[in-house]
Amino acid sequence: MTHPHLADEAQPRTPTHHLALRFSSTRRGARLARQLAVQQLTEWTGLSYDSDPARTVALVTAELAANAFRHGSLPGGDFRLVLLLLPHTLRIEVTDTRPERRPARPSAPSSDETSGRGLLLVEAYAEHWGWEVRDAFTKTVWAEVRIHPAG
């Protein structure tokens, strides 16, 4: 079920490119997912690594992957990263093994808290974001980042 409050009209459209990979639910796995997402974006679009869209993809992927390993994994579980290049956006999907742990609409944490800002960043930088539970064993959190292909 798609989270109705966050889904808007941002349902998947036909991608021009698609990539899906599994990563270990660790800090290293999250870091590799972030690096791979930026690499794929630059290969698919010709954008540079230091472009605004590439930095935004890095930030959003890092937050979604970090949440997957911190809050969405069972011991020994992996998370899946799916990248879909759409006409004007890159859709980033991170699927984890904790469908009962659904993200809530982010609110500002108190100034003395050292965590809890990840989804605020995703909401600030993504065009759209949301989550859906497709089966009894997984949950997918997704975000769409606006890109401007080179050429």
C-alpha atoms as a PDB file:
ATOM      1  CA  MET A   1       0.000   0.000   0.000  1.00  0.00           C
ATOM      2  CA  THR A   2       1.360   3.400  -0.909  1.00  0.00           C
ATOM      3  CA  HIS A   3       1.466   5.916   1.890  1.00  0.00           C
ATOM      4  CA  PRO A   4      -1.360   8.222   0.772  1.00  0.00           C
ATOM      5  CA  HIS A   5      -0.078  11.345   2.469  1.00  0.00           C
ATOM      6  CA  LEU A   6       3.243  11.308   0.654  1.00  0.00           C
ATOM      7  CA  ALA A   7       2.526   9.556  -2.629  1.00  0.00           C
ATOM      8  CA  ASP A   8       1.038  12.478  -4.594  1.00  0.00           C
ATOM      9  CA  GLU A   9       1.076  11.780  -8.288  1.00  0.00           C
ATOM     10  CA  ALA A  10       4.632  10.433  -8.133  1.00  0.00           C
ATOM     11  CA  GLN A  11       3.901   6.898  -9.257  1.00  0.00           C
ATOM     12  CA  PRO A  12       6.497   5.099 -11.381  1.00  0.00           C
ATOM     13  CA  ARG A  13       6.550   5.905 -15.053  1.00  0.00           C
ATOM     14  CA  THR A  14       8.438   4.070 -17.780  1.00  0.00           C
ATOM     15  CA  PRO A  15      12.148   4.488 -17.026  1.00  0.00           C
ATOM     16  CA  THR A  16      14.784   4.928 -19.714  1.00  0.00           C
ATOM     17  CA  HIS A  17      17.351   3.158 -17.501  1.00  0.00           C
ATOM     18  CA  HIS A  18      16.978   0.780 -14.563  1.00  0.00           C
ATOM     19  CA  LEU A  19      19.405  -0.716 -12.048  1.00  0.00           C
ATOM     20  CA  ALA A  20      18.731  -2.915  -8.995  1.00  0.00           C
ATOM     21  CA  LEU A  21      21.358  -4.172  -6.535  1.00  0.00           C
ATOM     22  CA  ARG A  22      21.442  -5.621  -3.015  1.00  0.00           C
ATOM     23  CA  PHE A  23      23.706  -4.295  -0.265  1.00  0.00           C
ATOM     24  CA  SER A  24      24.525  -5.499   3.223  1.00  0.00           C
ATOM     25  CA  SER A  25      22.622  -3.626   5.911  1.00  0.00           C
ATOM     26  CA  THR A  26      25.756  -1.951   7.241  1.00  0.00           C
ATOM     27  CA  ARG A  27      27.349   1.500   7.134  1.00  0.00           C
ATOM     28  CA  ARG A  28      29.605   0.186   4.372  1.00  0.00           C
ATOM     29  CA  GLY A  29      26.587  -1.030   2.378  1.00  0.00           C
ATOM     30  CA  ALA A  30      24.921   2.377   2.722  1.00  0.00           C
ATOM     31  CA  ARG A  31      28.120   4.153   1.630  1.00  0.00           C
ATOM     32  CA  LEU A  32      28.488   1.862  -1.405  1.00  0.00           C
ATOM     33  CA  ALA A  33      24.832   2.447  -2.359  1.00  0.00           C
ATOM     34  CA  ARG A  34      25.376   6.218  -2.249  1.00  0.00           C
ATOM     35  CA  GLN A  35      28.522   6.006  -4.363  1.00  0.00           C
ATOM     36  CA  LEU A  36      26.890   3.708  -6.894  1.00  0.00           C
ATOM     37  CA  ALA A  37      23.828   5.935  -7.237  1.00  0.00           C
ATOM     38  CA  VAL A  38      25.973   8.945  -8.105  1.00  0.00           C
ATOM     39  CA  GLN A  39      28.114   6.903 -10.487  1.00  0.00           C
ATOM     40  CA  GLN A  40      25.033   5.589 -12.320  1.00  0.00           C
ATOM     41  CA  LEU A  41      23.502   9.056 -12.533  1.00  0.00           C
ATOM     42  CA  THR A  42      26.665  10.463 -14.098  1.00  0.00           C
ATOM     43  CA  GLU A  43      26.944   7.559 -16.558  1.00  0.00           C
ATOM     44  CA  TRP A  44      23.305   7.749 -17.603  1.00  0.00           C
ATOM     45  CA  THR A  45      23.068  11.535 -17.923  1.00  0.00           C
ATOM     46  CA  GLY A  46      26.563  12.889 -18.505  1.00  0.00           C
ATOM     47  CA  LEU A  47      26.244  15.125 -15.444  1.00  0.00           C
ATOM     48  CA  SER A  48      29.406  15.686 -13.432  1.00  0.00           C
ATOM     49  CA  TYR A  49      29.989  14.288  -9.951  1.00  0.00           C
ATOM     50  CA  ASP A  50      29.989  17.804  -8.509  1.00  0.00           C
ATOM     51  CA  SER A  51      26.719  18.903 -10.140  1.00  0.00           C
ATOM     52  CA  ASP A  52      23.776  19.855  -7.932  1.00  0.00           C
ATOM     53  CA  PRO A  53      21.687  16.835  -9.037  1.00  0.00           C
ATOM     54  CA  ALA A  54      24.580  14.450  -8.270  1.00  0.00           C
ATOM     55  CA  ARG A  55      25.052  15.960  -4.798  1.00  0.00           C
ATOM     56  CA  THR A  56      21.305  15.719  -4.180  1.00  0.00           C
ATOM     57  CA  VAL A  57      21.218  12.072  -5.323  1.00  0.00           C
ATOM     58  CA  ALA A  58      24.141  11.348  -2.977  1.00  0.00           C
ATOM     59  CA  LEU A  59      22.394  12.970  -0.015  1.00  0.00           C
ATOM     60  CA  VAL A  60      18.987  11.358  -0.614  1.00  0.00           C
ATOM     61  CA  THR A  61      20.440   7.903  -1.297  1.00  0.00           C
ATOM     62  CA  ALA A  62      22.637   8.148   1.796  1.00  0.00           C
ATOM     63  CA  GLU A  63      19.661   8.999   4.006  1.00  0.00           C
ATOM     64  CA  LEU A  64      17.392   6.270   2.600  1.00  0.00           C
ATOM     65  CA  ALA A  65      20.144   3.640   2.798  1.00  0.00           C
ATOM     66  CA  ALA A  66      21.135   4.685   6.326  1.00  0.00           C
ATOM     67  CA  ASN A  67      17.523   4.378   7.450  1.00  0.00           C
ATOM     68  CA  ALA A  68      17.323   0.927   5.859  1.00  0.00           C
ATOM     69  CA  PHE A  69      20.268  -0.401   7.847  1.00  0.00           C
ATOM     70  CA  ARG A  70      19.495   1.452  11.096  1.00  0.00           C
ATOM     71  CA  HIS A  71      15.748   0.935  11.278  1.00  0.00           C
ATOM     72  CA  GLY A  72      14.725  -1.472   8.537  1.00  0.00           C
ATOM     73  CA  SER A  73      16.861  -4.552   8.784  1.00  0.00           C
ATOM     74  CA  LEU A  74      16.654  -7.828  10.573  1.00  0.00           C
ATOM     75  CA  PRO A  75      19.928  -9.492  11.613  1.00  0.00           C
ATOM     76  CA  GLY A  76      21.681 -10.680   8.465  1.00  0.00           C
ATOM     77  CA  GLY A  77      19.230  -8.847   6.221  1.00  0.00           C
ATOM     78  CA  ASP A  78      20.160  -6.846   3.158  1.00  0.00           C
ATOM     79  CA  PHE A  79      18.548  -3.856   1.525  1.00  0.00           C
ATOM     80  CA  ARG A  80      17.864  -3.365  -2.165  1.00  0.00           C
ATOM     81  CA  LEU A  81      18.605  -0.192  -4.079  1.00  0.00           C
ATOM     82  CA  VAL A  82      16.683   0.450  -7.294  1.00  0.00           C
ATOM     83  CA  LEU A  83      17.475   3.397  -9.555  1.00  0.00           C
ATOM     84  CA  LEU A  84      15.029   4.387 -12.283  1.00  0.00           C
ATOM     85  CA  LEU A  85      15.944   7.143 -14.704  1.00  0.00           C
ATOM     86  CA  LEU A  86      12.723   8.898 -15.676  1.00  0.00           C
ATOM     87  CA  PRO A  87      12.334  11.815 -18.109  1.00  0.00           C
ATOM     88  CA  HIS A  88      13.180  14.569 -15.607  1.00  0.00           C
ATOM     89  CA  THR A  89      13.918  12.729 -12.370  1.00  0.00           C
ATOM     90  CA  LEU A  90      15.896   9.886 -10.878  1.00  0.00           C
ATOM     91  CA  ARG A  91      13.703   7.667  -8.730  1.00  0.00           C
ATOM     92  CA  ILE A  92      15.614   6.101  -5.854  1.00  0.00           C
ATOM     93  CA  GLU A  93      13.971   3.131  -4.120  1.00  0.00           C
ATOM     94  CA  VAL A  94      15.359   1.431  -1.025  1.00  0.00           C
ATOM     95  CA  THR A  95      13.657  -1.771   0.083  1.00  0.00           C
ATOM     96  CA  ASP A  96      14.273  -3.251   3.521  1.00  0.00           C
ATOM     97  CA  THR A  97      13.016  -6.189   5.579  1.00  0.00           C
ATOM     98  CA  ARG A  98      10.926  -4.362   8.178  1.00  0.00           C
ATOM     99  CA  PRO A  99       7.488  -3.576   6.713  1.00  0.00           C
ATOM    100  CA  GLU A 100       6.073  -2.862  10.177  1.00  0.00           C
ATOM    101  CA  ARG A 101       8.515   0.054  10.656  1.00  0.00           C
ATOM    102  CA  ARG A 102       6.914   2.639   8.444  1.00  0.00           C
ATOM    103  CA  PRO A 103       8.313   6.145   8.145  1.00  0.00           C
ATOM    104  CA  ALA A 104       6.294   8.934   9.660  1.00  0.00           C
ATOM    105  CA  ARG A 105       6.012  12.416   8.253  1.00  0.00           C
ATOM    106  CA  PRO A 106       9.176  14.082   9.497  1.00  0.00           C
ATOM    107  CA  SER A 107       9.135  16.759  12.139  1.00  0.00           C
ATOM    108  CA  ALA A 108      12.011  18.864  13.383  1.00  0.00           C
ATOM    109  CA  PRO A 109      13.892  17.140  16.213  1.00  0.00           C
ATOM    110  CA  SER A 110      14.843  19.151  19.272  1.00  0.00           C
ATOM    111  CA  SER A 111      18.155  20.975  19.021  1.00  0.00           C
ATOM    112  CA  ASP A 112      19.913  18.593  21.431  1.00  0.00           C
ATOM    113  CA  GLU A 113      19.057  15.414  19.480  1.00  0.00           C
ATOM    114  CA  THR A 114      21.879  13.983  17.394  1.00  0.00           C
ATOM    115  CA  SER A 115      19.721  12.054  14.926  1.00  0.00           C
ATOM    116  CA  GLY A 116      16.280  12.172  13.357  1.00  0.00           C
ATOM    117  CA  ARG A 117      16.909  14.618  10.524  1.00  0.00           C
ATOM    118  CA  GLY A 118      17.230  12.175   7.626  1.00  0.00           C
ATOM    119  CA  LEU A 119      13.676  12.282   6.323  1.00  0.00           C
ATOM    120  CA  LEU A 120      13.601  16.057   6.794  1.00  0.00           C
ATOM    121  CA  LEU A 121      16.520  16.215   4.354  1.00  0.00           C
ATOM    122  CA  VAL A 122      14.808  13.824   1.949  1.00  0.00           C
ATOM    123  CA  GLU A 123      11.643  15.920   2.085  1.00  0.00           C
ATOM    124  CA  ALA A 124      13.624  19.122   1.498  1.00  0.00           C
ATOM    125  CA  TYR A 125      15.665  17.864  -1.464  1.00  0.00           C
ATOM    126  CA  ALA A 126      13.383  15.369  -3.244  1.00  0.00           C
ATOM    127  CA  GLU A 127      10.629  16.402  -5.639  1.00  0.00           C
ATOM    128  CA  HIS A 128       8.419  13.667  -4.138  1.00  0.00           C
ATOM    129  CA  TRP A 129       8.917  10.866  -1.662  1.00  0.00           C
ATOM    130  CA  GLY A 130       6.871   8.186   0.000  1.00  0.00           C
ATOM    131  CA  TRP A 131       6.772   4.554   0.980  1.00  0.00           C
ATOM    132  CA  GLU A 132       4.838   1.423   0.203  1.00  0.00           C
ATOM    133  CA  VAL A 133       4.510  -2.101   1.516  1.00  0.00           C
ATOM    134  CA  ARG A 134       4.316  -4.483  -1.435  1.00  0.00           C
ATOM    135  CA  ASP A 135       4.305  -7.746   0.526  1.00  0.00           C
ATOM    136  CA  ALA A 136       4.392  -9.063   4.099  1.00  0.00           C
ATOM    137  CA  PHE A 137       8.192  -9.105   4.243  1.00  0.00           C
ATOM    138  CA  THR A 138       9.442  -5.806   2.809  1.00  0.00           C
ATOM    139  CA  LYS A 139       8.888  -2.066   2.695  1.00  0.00           C
ATOM    140  CA  THR A 140      10.116   0.332   0.010  1.00  0.00           C
ATOM    141  CA  VAL A 141      10.916   3.972   0.702  1.00  0.00           C
ATOM    142  CA  TRP A 142      11.360   6.013  -2.467  1.00  0.00           C
ATOM    143  CA  ALA A 143      12.273   9.509  -3.502  1.00  0.00           C
ATOM    144  CA  GLU A 144      12.424  11.314  -6.828  1.00  0.00           C
ATOM    145  CA  VAL A 145      15.236  13.802  -7.443  1.00  0.00           C
ATOM    146  CA  ARG A 146      14.948  16.352 -10.224  1.00  0.00           C
ATOM    147  CA  ILE A 147      17.760  16.127 -12.786  1.00  0.00           C
ATOM    148  CA  HIS A 148      18.681  18.149 -15.846  1.00  0.00           C
ATOM    149  CA  PRO A 149      20.417  15.816 -18.319  1.00  0.00           C
ATOM    150  CA  ALA A 150      23.422  17.169 -20.189  1.00  0.00           C
ATOM    151  CA  GLY A 151      23.041  17.922 -23.867  1.00  0.00           C
END
